PDB file of N, CA and C in Angstrom:
ATOM      1  N   MET A   1       4.176   0.729 -20.058  1.00  0.00           N
ATOM      2  CA  MET A   1       3.748   1.685 -18.586  1.00  0.00           C
ATOM      3  C   MET A   1       4.971   2.211 -18.348  1.00  0.00           C
ATOM      4  N   ARG A   2       4.744   3.858 -18.486  1.00  0.00           N
ATOM      5  CA  ARG A   2       5.429   4.863 -18.559  1.00  0.00           C
ATOM      6  C   ARG A   2       5.897   4.828 -17.244  1.00  0.00           C
ATOM      7  N   LEU A   3       5.121   4.691 -16.340  1.00  0.00           N
ATOM      8  CA  LEU A   3       5.148   4.991 -15.022  1.00  0.00           C
ATOM      9  C   LEU A   3       5.873   3.693 -14.086  1.00  0.00           C
ATOM     10  N   ALA A   4       5.803   2.596 -14.656  1.00  0.00           N
ATOM     11  CA  ALA A   4       5.635   1.352 -13.878  1.00  0.00           C
ATOM     12  C   ALA A   4       6.971   1.839 -13.085  1.00  0.00           C
ATOM     13  N   ASN A   5       6.950   0.977 -12.140  1.00  0.00           N
ATOM     14  CA  ASN A   5       8.196   1.356 -10.762  1.00  0.00           C
ATOM     15  C   ASN A   5       8.637   2.495 -10.379  1.00  0.00           C
ATOM     16  N   LYS A   6       7.378   3.531 -10.467  1.00  0.00           N
ATOM     17  CA  LYS A   6       8.117   4.766 -10.270  1.00  0.00           C
ATOM     18  C   LYS A   6       6.948   5.395  -9.015  1.00  0.00           C
ATOM     19  N   THR A   7       7.455   5.771  -8.245  1.00  0.00           N
ATOM     20  CA  THR A   7       6.482   6.526  -6.817  1.00  0.00           C
ATOM     21  C   THR A   7       6.442   8.073  -6.645  1.00  0.00           C
ATOM     22  N   PRO A   8       5.965   8.417  -7.487  1.00  0.00           N
ATOM     23  CA  PRO A   8       6.006   9.979  -7.460  1.00  0.00           C
ATOM     24  C   PRO A   8       5.152  10.534  -6.276  1.00  0.00           C
ATOM     25  N   PRO A   9       5.292  11.583  -5.376  1.00  0.00           N
ATOM     26  CA  PRO A   9       4.653  12.100  -4.671  1.00  0.00           C
ATOM     27  C   PRO A   9       3.538  12.940  -5.079  1.00  0.00           C
ATOM     28  N   ILE A  10       2.022  12.714  -4.841  1.00  0.00           N
ATOM     29  CA  ILE A  10       1.445  13.875  -4.878  1.00  0.00           C
ATOM     30  C   ILE A  10       0.675  14.517  -3.721  1.00  0.00           C
ATOM     31  N   THR A  11       0.122  15.954  -4.102  1.00  0.00           N
ATOM     32  CA  THR A  11      -0.281  16.210  -2.931  1.00  0.00           C
ATOM     33  C   THR A  11      -1.824  16.908  -3.073  1.00  0.00           C
ATOM     34  N   GLY A  12      -2.637  17.175  -2.089  1.00  0.00           N
ATOM     35  CA  GLY A  12      -3.830  17.269  -2.737  1.00  0.00           C
ATOM     36  C   GLY A  12      -4.683  16.585  -3.260  1.00  0.00           C
ATOM     37  N   GLY A  13      -4.176  15.133  -3.147  1.00  0.00           N
ATOM     38  CA  GLY A  13      -5.150  13.749  -3.472  1.00  0.00           C
ATOM     39  C   GLY A  13      -6.339  13.360  -3.238  1.00  0.00           C
ATOM     40  N   ASN A  14      -7.011  14.432  -1.990  1.00  0.00           N
ATOM     41  CA  ASN A  14      -8.385  13.774  -2.124  1.00  0.00           C
ATOM     42  C   ASN A  14      -9.243  14.374  -2.829  1.00  0.00           C
ATOM     43  N   SER A  15      -8.972  15.353  -3.610  1.00  0.00           N
ATOM     44  CA  SER A  15     -10.507  15.330  -4.963  1.00  0.00           C
ATOM     45  C   SER A  15      -9.422  16.348  -5.583  1.00  0.00           C
ATOM     46  N   GLY A  16     -10.338  16.350  -7.276  1.00  0.00           N
ATOM     47  CA  GLY A  16     -10.123  17.722  -7.790  1.00  0.00           C
ATOM     48  C   GLY A  16      -8.702  17.430  -8.534  1.00  0.00           C
ATOM     49  N   ILE A  17      -7.783  18.013  -9.564  1.00  0.00           N
ATOM     50  CA  ILE A  17      -6.878  17.656  -9.818  1.00  0.00           C
ATOM     51  C   ILE A  17      -6.004  16.532  -9.133  1.00  0.00           C
ATOM     52  N   GLY A  18      -5.720  16.610  -8.314  1.00  0.00           N
ATOM     53  CA  GLY A  18      -5.047  15.875  -7.312  1.00  0.00           C
ATOM     54  C   GLY A  18      -5.362  14.422  -7.413  1.00  0.00           C
ATOM     55  N   LEU A  19      -6.696  14.327  -7.051  1.00  0.00           N
ATOM     56  CA  LEU A  19      -7.241  12.772  -7.008  1.00  0.00           C
ATOM     57  C   LEU A  19      -7.138  12.603  -8.778  1.00  0.00           C
ATOM     58  N   ALA A  20      -7.682  12.913  -9.457  1.00  0.00           N
ATOM     59  CA  ALA A  20      -7.244  12.688 -11.261  1.00  0.00           C
ATOM     60  C   ALA A  20      -6.096  12.177 -11.006  1.00  0.00           C
ATOM     61  N   THR A  21      -4.717  13.260 -10.705  1.00  0.00           N
ATOM     62  CA  THR A  21      -3.595  12.886 -11.055  1.00  0.00           C
ATOM     63  C   THR A  21      -3.325  11.518 -10.551  1.00  0.00           C
ATOM     64  N   VAL A  22      -3.568  11.082  -9.328  1.00  0.00           N
ATOM     65  CA  VAL A  22      -3.262  10.065  -8.681  1.00  0.00           C
ATOM     66  C   VAL A  22      -3.912   8.894  -9.404  1.00  0.00           C
ATOM     67  N   ARG A  23      -5.389   8.892  -9.860  1.00  0.00           N
ATOM     68  CA  ARG A  23      -5.573   7.869 -10.831  1.00  0.00           C
ATOM     69  C   ARG A  23      -5.021   7.428 -11.865  1.00  0.00           C
ATOM     70  N   LEU A  24      -4.760   8.508 -12.626  1.00  0.00           N
ATOM     71  CA  LEU A  24      -4.133   8.660 -14.063  1.00  0.00           C
ATOM     72  C   LEU A  24      -2.821   7.826 -13.795  1.00  0.00           C
ATOM     73  N   PHE A  25      -1.810   8.356 -12.795  1.00  0.00           N
ATOM     74  CA  PHE A  25      -0.598   7.608 -12.464  1.00  0.00           C
ATOM     75  C   PHE A  25      -0.901   6.481 -12.417  1.00  0.00           C
ATOM     76  N   VAL A  26      -1.507   6.104 -11.258  1.00  0.00           N
ATOM     77  CA  VAL A  26      -2.083   4.967 -10.812  1.00  0.00           C
ATOM     78  C   VAL A  26      -2.217   3.587 -12.065  1.00  0.00           C
ATOM     79  N   ALA A  27      -3.142   4.215 -12.915  1.00  0.00           N
ATOM     80  CA  ALA A  27      -3.434   3.268 -14.712  1.00  0.00           C
ATOM     81  C   ALA A  27      -2.209   3.293 -15.448  1.00  0.00           C
ATOM     82  N   GLU A  28      -1.241   4.651 -15.417  1.00  0.00           N
ATOM     83  CA  GLU A  28       0.056   3.891 -16.331  1.00  0.00           C
ATOM     84  C   GLU A  28       0.810   3.176 -15.407  1.00  0.00           C
ATOM     85  N   GLY A  29       0.429   2.843 -14.276  1.00  0.00           N
ATOM     86  CA  GLY A  29       1.558   1.712 -13.801  1.00  0.00           C
ATOM     87  C   GLY A  29       2.145   2.037 -12.285  1.00  0.00           C
ATOM     88  N   ALA A  30       2.305   3.607 -11.725  1.00  0.00           N
ATOM     89  CA  ALA A  30       3.009   3.920 -10.885  1.00  0.00           C
ATOM     90  C   ALA A  30       2.271   3.587  -9.533  1.00  0.00           C
ATOM     91  N   ARG A  31       3.396   3.956  -8.744  1.00  0.00           N
ATOM     92  CA  ARG A  31       2.849   3.524  -7.052  1.00  0.00           C
ATOM     93  C   ARG A  31       3.152   4.633  -6.658  1.00  0.00           C
ATOM     94  N   VAL A  32       1.608   5.260  -5.846  1.00  0.00           N
ATOM     95  CA  VAL A  32       1.971   6.902  -5.473  1.00  0.00           C
ATOM     96  C   VAL A  32       2.014   7.142  -4.206  1.00  0.00           C
ATOM     97  N   ALA A  33       2.660   7.961  -3.574  1.00  0.00           N
ATOM     98  CA  ALA A  33       2.466   8.727  -2.170  1.00  0.00           C
ATOM     99  C   ALA A  33       1.643   9.861  -2.206  1.00  0.00           C
ATOM    100  N   VAL A  34       0.628   9.817  -1.558  1.00  0.00           N
ATOM    101  CA  VAL A  34      -0.535  10.673  -1.673  1.00  0.00           C
ATOM    102  C   VAL A  34      -0.329  11.659  -0.244  1.00  0.00           C
ATOM    103  N   THR A  35      -0.622  12.850  -0.335  1.00  0.00           N
ATOM    104  CA  THR A  35      -1.136  13.439   1.117  1.00  0.00           C
ATOM    105  C   THR A  35      -2.284  14.309   0.769  1.00  0.00           C
ATOM    106  N   GLY A  36      -3.149  14.615   1.704  1.00  0.00           N
ATOM    107  CA  GLY A  36      -4.000  15.344   1.472  1.00  0.00           C
ATOM    108  C   GLY A  36      -4.772  15.628   2.901  1.00  0.00           C
ATOM    109  N   ARG A  37      -5.654  16.460   2.781  1.00  0.00           N
ATOM    110  CA  ARG A  37      -6.364  17.098   4.315  1.00  0.00           C
ATOM    111  C   ARG A  37      -6.870  15.768   5.082  1.00  0.00           C
ATOM    112  N   ASN A  38      -7.820  15.171   4.377  1.00  0.00           N
ATOM    113  CA  ASN A  38      -8.891  14.074   5.078  1.00  0.00           C
ATOM    114  C   ASN A  38      -8.077  12.575   4.861  1.00  0.00           C
ATOM    115  N   GLN A  39      -8.038  12.300   5.724  1.00  0.00           N
ATOM    116  CA  GLN A  39      -7.096  10.968   5.746  1.00  0.00           C
ATOM    117  C   GLN A  39      -8.070  10.022   5.615  1.00  0.00           C
ATOM    118  N   ALA A  40      -9.273   9.887   6.253  1.00  0.00           N
ATOM    119  CA  ALA A  40     -10.612   8.930   5.664  1.00  0.00           C
ATOM    120  C   ALA A  40     -10.837   8.931   4.259  1.00  0.00           C
ATOM    121  N   THR A  41     -10.940  10.195   3.630  1.00  0.00           N
ATOM    122  CA  THR A  41     -11.027  10.079   2.214  1.00  0.00           C
ATOM    123  C   THR A  41      -9.768   9.576   1.350  1.00  0.00           C
ATOM    124  N   LEU A  42      -8.859   9.824   2.321  1.00  0.00           N
ATOM    125  CA  LEU A  42      -7.176   9.185   1.130  1.00  0.00           C
ATOM    126  C   LEU A  42      -7.522   7.982   1.359  1.00  0.00           C
ATOM    127  N   ALA A  43      -7.786   7.334   2.345  1.00  0.00           N
ATOM    128  CA  ALA A  43      -8.067   5.732   2.648  1.00  0.00           C
ATOM    129  C   ALA A  43      -8.849   5.219   2.133  1.00  0.00           C
ATOM    130  N   ALA A  44     -10.205   5.536   2.120  1.00  0.00           N
ATOM    131  CA  ALA A  44     -11.197   5.185   0.837  1.00  0.00           C
ATOM    132  C   ALA A  44     -10.730   5.074  -0.402  1.00  0.00           C
ATOM    133  N   ASP A  45     -10.029   6.370  -1.089  1.00  0.00           N
ATOM    134  CA  ASP A  45     -10.150   5.958  -2.407  1.00  0.00           C
ATOM    135  C   ASP A  45      -8.808   4.900  -2.429  1.00  0.00           C
ATOM    136  N   ALA A  46      -7.653   4.940  -1.879  1.00  0.00           N
ATOM    137  CA  ALA A  46      -6.561   4.043  -1.791  1.00  0.00           C
ATOM    138  C   ALA A  46      -7.218   2.466  -2.093  1.00  0.00           C
ATOM    139  N   ASP A  47      -8.228   2.142  -1.182  1.00  0.00           N
ATOM    140  CA  ASP A  47      -8.949   0.672  -1.156  1.00  0.00           C
ATOM    141  C   ASP A  47      -9.212   0.444  -2.897  1.00  0.00           C
ATOM    142  N   HIS A  48      -9.599   1.404  -3.798  1.00  0.00           N
ATOM    143  CA  HIS A  48      -9.707   0.773  -5.022  1.00  0.00           C
ATOM    144  C   HIS A  48      -9.049   0.381  -6.015  1.00  0.00           C
ATOM    145  N   ASP A  49      -7.623   0.713  -5.406  1.00  0.00           N
ATOM    146  CA  ASP A  49      -6.713   0.744  -6.666  1.00  0.00           C
ATOM    147  C   ASP A  49      -5.790  -0.589  -6.341  1.00  0.00           C
ATOM    148  N   GLY A  50      -6.127  -1.462  -5.152  1.00  0.00           N
ATOM    149  CA  GLY A  50      -5.890  -2.458  -4.494  1.00  0.00           C
ATOM    150  C   GLY A  50      -3.964  -2.188  -4.371  1.00  0.00           C
ATOM    151  N   HIS A  51      -4.224  -1.356  -3.303  1.00  0.00           N
ATOM    152  CA  HIS A  51      -2.577  -1.145  -2.416  1.00  0.00           C
ATOM    153  C   HIS A  51      -1.622  -0.791  -3.259  1.00  0.00           C
ATOM    154  N   ARG A  52      -2.284   0.237  -4.540  1.00  0.00           N
ATOM    155  CA  ARG A  52      -0.940   0.763  -5.112  1.00  0.00           C
ATOM    156  C   ARG A  52      -0.718   2.432  -4.956  1.00  0.00           C
ATOM    157  N   ARG A  53      -1.560   2.768  -3.924  1.00  0.00           N
ATOM    158  CA  ARG A  53      -1.356   4.184  -2.867  1.00  0.00           C
ATOM    159  C   ARG A  53      -0.694   3.928  -1.449  1.00  0.00           C
ATOM    160  N   ARG A  54      -0.248   4.853  -1.153  1.00  0.00           N
ATOM    161  CA  ARG A  54       0.333   5.163   0.051  1.00  0.00           C
ATOM    162  C   ARG A  54      -0.056   6.132   0.596  1.00  0.00           C
ATOM    163  N   PRO A  55      -1.439   6.349   1.472  1.00  0.00           N
ATOM    164  CA  PRO A  55      -1.950   7.658   1.666  1.00  0.00           C
ATOM    165  C   PRO A  55      -0.879   7.578   3.007  1.00  0.00           C
ATOM    166  N   ALA A  56      -0.614   9.473   2.949  1.00  0.00           N
ATOM    167  CA  ALA A  56      -0.144  10.377   3.948  1.00  0.00           C
ATOM    168  C   ALA A  56      -0.654  11.544   4.457  1.00  0.00           C
ATOM    169  N   GLY A  57      -1.739  11.035   5.190  1.00  0.00           N
ATOM    170  CA  GLY A  57      -2.380  12.205   5.793  1.00  0.00           C
ATOM    171  C   GLY A  57      -2.074  13.744   6.383  1.00  0.00           C
ATOM    172  N   VAL A  58      -1.634  14.698   6.289  1.00  0.00           N
ATOM    173  CA  VAL A  58      -1.538  15.623   7.092  1.00  0.00           C
ATOM    174  C   VAL A  58      -2.528  16.397   7.974  1.00  0.00           C
ATOM    175  N   GLN A  59      -2.341  16.968   8.977  1.00  0.00           N
ATOM    176  CA  GLN A  59      -3.156  17.544   9.727  1.00  0.00           C
ATOM    177  C   GLN A  59      -3.063  19.065   9.871  1.00  0.00           C
TER     178      GLN A  59
END
């Protein structure tokens, strides 16, 4: 796993390229810090990865 034990920040993780990047990095072993505009969407998607994400929504 190339990204094991890494925690990259990813912005715009609610949808599109940001969400795809989050999913790819998690699949590669990273624990990601994700920001986005919709806290509910971030939290709902984070549940699918078994706590490998730290959602940090912004207002």
